[in-house]
Amino acid sequence: FSLDVLVSLLRQENAVDICVIKIPENIQYADYFVVVSGISTRHLRAMALYATKVYKYLKKEKEPSVKIEGKDTEDWMCIDFGNMVVHFMLPETREVYELEKLWTLRG
């Protein structure tokens, strides 16, 4: 399961404003941080579910299991694929938290 596969499936699912951030190697969190918007709660869940299904189908034996946060929320979900972390957010929630700025600003 690669970044290219993830971005392709998000585009296929009509994701809005896909933002991919390469995380510096000295931060041992993940390789990529992805933020994407959906047009509704249902759209967010559909994208997250589809990404999870594709990951489970394509993942290699040694790759980690998926971790999902925010299943019970209406405006945000996060999936940890091990080397990639994806935040699915409604546009207004994304504006409030500005995750892209937090991960791209250098101190």
Protein backbone atom coordinates (compact mmCIF):
# COMPACT_ATOMS: atom_id res chain seq x y z
CA PHE A 1 0.00 0.00 0.00
CA SER A 2 1.72 3.15 -1.19
CA LEU A 3 1.18 6.89 -1.14
CA ASP A 4 0.36 6.79 -4.87
CA VAL A 5 -2.34 4.17 -4.29
CA LEU A 6 -3.78 6.20 -1.41
CA VAL A 7 -3.92 9.46 -3.39
CA SER A 8 -5.42 7.67 -6.41
CA LEU A 9 -8.19 6.11 -4.37
CA LEU A 10 -8.91 9.42 -2.62
CA ARG A 11 -9.22 11.12 -6.01
CA GLN A 12 -11.46 8.29 -7.20
CA GLU A 13 -13.69 8.91 -4.17
CA ASN A 14 -13.89 12.66 -5.00
CA ALA A 15 -11.81 13.82 -2.04
CA VAL A 16 -11.46 17.58 -1.74
CA ASP A 17 -8.15 19.45 -1.27
CA ILE A 18 -5.77 16.52 -0.80
CA CYS A 19 -2.64 17.72 1.01
CA VAL A 20 0.37 15.40 1.37
CA ILE A 21 3.19 16.40 3.70
CA LYS A 22 6.50 14.53 3.86
CA ILE A 23 7.45 14.23 7.50
CA PRO A 24 11.15 14.83 8.25
CA GLU A 25 13.08 11.63 8.94
CA ASN A 26 14.14 12.84 12.39
CA ILE A 27 10.47 12.72 13.45
CA GLN A 28 9.75 9.02 13.82
CA TYR A 29 5.97 9.40 13.55
CA ALA A 30 5.25 8.36 9.97
CA ASP A 31 6.64 9.03 6.50
CA TYR A 32 3.64 11.00 5.24
CA PHE A 33 0.89 13.07 6.78
CA VAL A 34 -2.20 13.45 4.58
CA VAL A 35 -5.12 15.81 5.15
CA VAL A 36 -8.22 15.54 3.00
CA SER A 37 -11.71 17.04 3.08
CA GLY A 38 -15.07 15.54 2.30
CA ILE A 39 -18.37 17.22 1.52
CA SER A 40 -20.33 15.51 4.32
CA THR A 41 -19.95 13.15 7.27
CA ARG A 42 -21.15 10.32 5.06
CA HIS A 43 -18.52 11.19 2.45
CA LEU A 44 -15.75 11.20 5.10
CA ARG A 45 -16.80 7.77 6.35
CA ALA A 46 -17.11 6.34 2.84
CA MET A 47 -13.60 7.51 1.91
CA ALA A 48 -12.13 6.19 5.17
CA LEU A 49 -13.87 2.83 4.80
CA TYR A 50 -12.77 2.45 1.19
CA ALA A 51 -9.15 3.36 2.03
CA THR A 52 -9.19 0.83 4.87
CA LYS A 53 -10.59 -1.93 2.66
CA VAL A 54 -8.00 -1.32 -0.06
CA TYR A 55 -5.19 -1.25 2.53
CA LYS A 56 -6.30 -4.57 4.03
CA TYR A 57 -6.48 -6.11 0.56
CA LEU A 58 -3.05 -4.85 -0.57
CA LYS A 59 -1.06 -4.88 2.66
CA LYS A 60 1.91 -7.15 3.02
CA GLU A 61 2.06 -9.60 5.91
CA LYS A 62 4.55 -7.52 7.93
CA GLU A 63 2.68 -4.22 7.52
CA PRO A 64 0.77 -3.05 10.60
CA SER A 65 -2.97 -3.27 11.14
CA VAL A 66 -4.97 -0.10 10.56
CA LYS A 67 -5.75 2.13 13.52
CA ILE A 68 -8.85 4.34 13.21
CA GLU A 69 -9.79 7.28 15.43
CA GLY A 70 -12.91 9.44 15.34
CA LYS A 71 -15.42 6.81 14.25
CA ASP A 72 -18.06 8.41 16.46
CA THR A 73 -17.44 12.00 15.38
CA GLU A 74 -19.19 13.79 12.54
CA ASP A 75 -16.42 16.08 11.31
CA TRP A 76 -13.13 14.15 11.61
CA MET A 77 -11.63 10.69 11.21
CA CYS A 78 -8.00 9.65 11.33
CA ILE A 79 -6.47 6.48 9.96
CA ASP A 80 -2.95 5.37 10.86
CA PHE A 81 -1.58 3.11 8.14
CA GLY A 82 1.84 2.89 9.83
CA ASN A 83 3.93 4.87 7.36
CA MET A 84 1.06 7.24 6.48
CA VAL A 85 -1.45 9.02 8.71
CA VAL A 86 -4.58 10.34 7.02
CA HIS A 87 -6.95 12.92 8.51
CA PHE A 88 -10.40 13.08 6.92
CA MET A 89 -12.11 16.36 7.86
CA LEU A 90 -15.06 18.49 6.93
CA PRO A 91 -13.81 21.80 5.43
CA GLU A 92 -14.92 23.92 8.39
CA THR A 93 -13.16 21.61 10.86
CA ARG A 94 -10.04 21.68 8.73
CA GLU A 95 -10.03 25.49 8.84
CA VAL A 96 -10.27 25.48 12.64
CA TYR A 97 -7.37 23.08 13.27
CA GLU A 98 -5.09 24.06 10.35
CA LEU A 99 -3.10 20.82 10.57
CA GLU A 100 -1.20 21.61 7.38
CA LYS A 101 0.25 24.74 8.99
CA LEU A 102 1.20 22.89 12.16
CA TRP A 103 3.15 20.27 10.21
CA THR A 104 4.79 22.62 7.69
CA LEU A 105 5.90 25.52 9.90
CA ARG A 106 9.50 25.25 11.07
CA GLY A 107 10.39 26.39 14.57
